[in-house]
């Protein structure tokens, strides 16, 4: 297993402090809006039963097959 260590150099408080805070706030809101308004919702695409290809192959009147664990 590899171990990756990173170190950041401390920035003096009087140099770049305001722009660093603004950058952090800006980054937070960018990530927030990207996550909050993501149009992909996987629960809407989850198949909960046989689909149209299965029905076309087996017909609409075919009984659903139970798996041994469902008995």
Protein backbone atom coordinates (compact mmCIF):
# COMPACT_ATOMS: atom_id res chain seq x y z
CA UNK A 1 0.00 0.00 0.00
CA UNK A 2 1.36 3.41 -0.90
CA UNK A 3 1.23 6.39 1.39
CA UNK A 4 0.93 9.83 -0.13
CA UNK A 5 1.78 12.77 2.05
CA UNK A 6 1.12 16.37 1.13
CA UNK A 7 2.30 19.47 2.90
CA UNK A 8 1.20 23.00 2.31
CA UNK A 9 3.28 26.00 3.16
CA UNK A 10 1.70 28.45 5.60
CA UNK A 11 0.72 31.79 4.07
CA UNK A 12 1.34 34.84 6.22
CA UNK A 13 -1.93 36.30 7.54
CA UNK A 14 -1.41 39.74 6.02
CA UNK A 15 -0.65 38.41 2.50
CA UNK A 16 -3.48 36.82 0.53
CA UNK A 17 -5.77 36.23 3.52
CA UNK A 18 -8.80 38.02 2.07
CA UNK A 19 -8.41 36.50 -1.39
CA UNK A 20 -7.98 33.05 0.20
CA UNK A 21 -11.23 33.39 2.15
CA UNK A 22 -13.04 34.68 -0.92
CA UNK A 23 -11.67 31.76 -2.93
CA UNK A 24 -12.84 29.26 -0.29
CA UNK A 25 -16.34 30.78 -0.15
CA UNK A 26 -16.55 30.86 -3.93
CA UNK A 27 -15.43 27.23 -4.13
CA UNK A 28 -18.00 26.19 -1.51
CA UNK A 29 -20.90 27.79 -3.38
CA UNK A 30 -19.72 26.34 -6.69
CA UNK A 31 -19.67 22.81 -5.22
CA UNK A 32 -22.99 23.43 -3.43
CA UNK A 33 -24.84 24.48 -6.58
CA UNK A 34 -23.26 21.70 -8.65
CA UNK A 35 -24.47 19.14 -6.09
CA UNK A 36 -27.85 20.68 -5.21
CA UNK A 37 -29.00 21.18 -8.80
CA UNK A 38 -27.58 18.04 -10.36
CA UNK A 39 -30.26 16.82 -12.81
CA UNK A 40 -29.24 13.14 -12.59
CA UNK A 41 -31.41 11.16 -10.18
CA UNK A 42 -30.44 7.48 -10.23
CA UNK A 43 -33.58 6.36 -8.39
CA UNK A 44 -35.62 7.39 -11.44
CA UNK A 45 -33.59 5.05 -13.68
CA UNK A 46 -33.62 1.99 -11.46
CA UNK A 47 -35.39 -0.98 -13.05
CA UNK A 48 -37.84 -2.58 -10.63
CA UNK A 49 -39.06 -5.41 -12.80
CA UNK A 50 -39.06 -6.90 -16.26
CA UNK A 51 -38.77 -4.31 -18.98
CA UNK A 52 -40.20 -4.01 -22.46
CA UNK A 53 -37.63 -6.38 -24.03
CA UNK A 54 -38.57 -9.15 -21.57
CA UNK A 55 -42.28 -8.61 -22.25
CA UNK A 56 -41.71 -8.69 -26.01
CA UNK A 57 -39.88 -12.00 -25.71
CA UNK A 58 -42.17 -13.72 -23.18
CA UNK A 59 -45.51 -12.06 -23.84
CA UNK A 60 -47.65 -10.01 -21.49
CA UNK A 61 -49.32 -13.07 -19.92
CA UNK A 62 -46.10 -14.85 -18.88
CA UNK A 63 -45.90 -15.35 -15.11
CA UNK A 64 -42.95 -13.74 -13.37
CA UNK A 65 -40.25 -16.21 -12.34
CA UNK A 66 -39.38 -16.35 -8.66
CA UNK A 67 -35.83 -16.85 -7.53
CA UNK A 68 -35.15 -19.47 -4.83
CA UNK A 69 -34.34 -16.77 -2.26
CA UNK A 70 -37.80 -15.20 -2.79
CA UNK A 71 -39.66 -18.37 -1.72
